[in-house]
C-alpha cells in the first residue's frame, strides 16, 4: 500500500515538473514567434523603403538623361549659331 502511495506521489510530482517545464518551453516558443513576426515586419518595411528608393532613383536617372539630352541639343544649337556668326563676320 505504501509503495502505491509513493508511486502516485512520484507520478504527480513528475507530471507537475513536466507541466511546468512544458509551460516554460511553450512560453519561450511564443516569445520566439513574436520576435520572428517583428523581424518579418521590419524586413517588409525595409523592402518597401528599398522599392520606394528604387523608384526615386529611376526617376532621377530619367531626369538626368533628359537634362543631358537638352544640354546636348543646346550645345549643338550654340555651335550652329557660332558657325553662322563666323560666316557673317567673314563677309
Protein backbone atom coordinates (compact mmCIF):
# COMPACT_ATOMS: atom_id res chain seq x y z
CA UNK A 1 0.00 0.00 0.00
CA UNK A 2 2.80 2.37 0.91
CA UNK A 3 4.50 1.67 -2.42
CA UNK A 4 1.33 2.63 -4.29
CA UNK A 5 1.08 5.95 -2.42
CA UNK A 6 4.74 6.69 -3.10
CA UNK A 7 4.20 5.78 -6.77
CA UNK A 8 1.20 8.11 -7.03
CA UNK A 9 3.09 10.96 -5.31
CA UNK A 10 6.07 10.39 -7.62
CA UNK A 11 3.77 10.43 -10.66
CA UNK A 12 2.08 13.64 -9.51
CA UNK A 13 5.46 15.29 -8.87
CA UNK A 14 6.76 14.08 -12.25
CA UNK A 15 3.68 15.34 -14.06
CA UNK A 16 3.91 18.69 -12.24
CA UNK A 17 7.56 19.14 -13.18
CA UNK A 18 6.77 18.11 -16.76
CA UNK A 19 3.87 20.56 -16.93
CA UNK A 20 5.98 23.47 -15.67
CA UNK A 21 8.86 22.55 -17.99
CA UNK A 22 6.48 22.33 -20.94
CA UNK A 23 4.93 25.66 -19.92
CA UNK A 24 8.37 27.30 -19.86
CA UNK A 25 9.18 25.88 -23.31
CA UNK A 26 5.81 26.98 -24.61
CA UNK A 27 6.38 30.48 -23.24
CA UNK A 28 9.81 30.64 -24.90
CA UNK A 29 8.31 29.44 -28.18
CA UNK A 30 5.67 32.17 -28.00
CA UNK A 31 8.41 34.75 -27.43
CA UNK A 32 10.37 33.36 -30.39
CA UNK A 33 7.29 33.57 -32.62
CA UNK A 34 6.66 37.17 -31.55
CA UNK A 35 10.29 38.07 -32.25
CA UNK A 36 10.13 36.39 -35.67
CA UNK A 37 6.94 38.29 -36.52
CA UNK A 38 8.56 41.58 -35.51
CA UNK A 39 11.63 40.80 -37.60
CA UNK A 40 9.45 39.86 -40.58
CA UNK A 41 7.58 43.16 -40.31
CA UNK A 42 10.88 45.04 -40.17
CA UNK A 43 12.10 43.22 -43.29
CA UNK A 44 8.85 44.03 -45.10
CA UNK A 45 9.18 47.71 -44.23
CA UNK A 46 12.82 47.71 -45.37
CA UNK A 47 11.80 46.10 -48.67
CA UNK A 48 9.08 48.73 -49.11
CA UNK A 49 11.58 51.53 -48.44
CA UNK A 50 14.00 49.93 -50.87
CA UNK A 51 11.28 49.81 -53.52
CA UNK A 52 10.47 53.46 -52.94
CA UNK A 53 14.16 54.36 -53.21
CA UNK A 54 14.48 52.36 -56.43
CA UNK A 55 11.54 54.28 -57.88
CA UNK A 56 13.12 57.59 -56.88
CA UNK A 57 16.46 56.54 -58.36
CA UNK A 58 14.80 55.59 -61.65
CA UNK A 59 13.02 58.95 -61.76
CA UNK A 60 16.28 60.78 -61.04
CA UNK A 61 18.08 58.81 -63.75
CA UNK A 62 15.33 59.65 -66.24
CA UNK A 63 15.56 63.32 -65.30
CA UNK A 64 19.36 63.22 -65.67
CA UNK A 65 19.09 61.64 -69.12
CA UNK A 66 16.54 64.25 -70.14
CA UNK A 67 18.80 67.03 -68.90
CA UNK A 68 21.79 65.57 -70.73
CA UNK A 69 19.83 65.41 -73.95
CA UNK A 70 18.66 69.01 -73.50
CA UNK A 71 22.26 70.10 -72.86
CA UNK A 72 23.44 68.28 -75.98
CA UNK A 73 20.74 69.97 -78.05
CA UNK A 74 21.62 73.39 -76.63
CA UNK A 75 25.33 72.81 -77.29
CA UNK A 76 24.64 71.80 -80.90
CA UNK A 77 22.47 74.89 -81.42
CA UNK A 78 25.17 77.11 -79.93
CA UNK A 79 27.76 75.62 -82.31
CA UNK A 80 25.44 76.23 -85.28
CA UNK A 81 24.94 79.83 -84.21
CA UNK A 82 28.67 80.33 -83.79
CA UNK A 83 29.22 78.92 -87.28
CA UNK A 84 26.60 81.25 -88.77
CA UNK A 85 28.07 84.24 -86.93
CA UNK A 86 31.57 83.32 -88.08
CA UNK A 87 30.40 83.15 -91.71
CA UNK A 88 28.68 86.53 -91.41
CA UNK A 89 31.80 88.14 -89.94
CA UNK A 90 33.87 86.87 -92.89
CA UNK A 91 31.56 88.60 -95.38
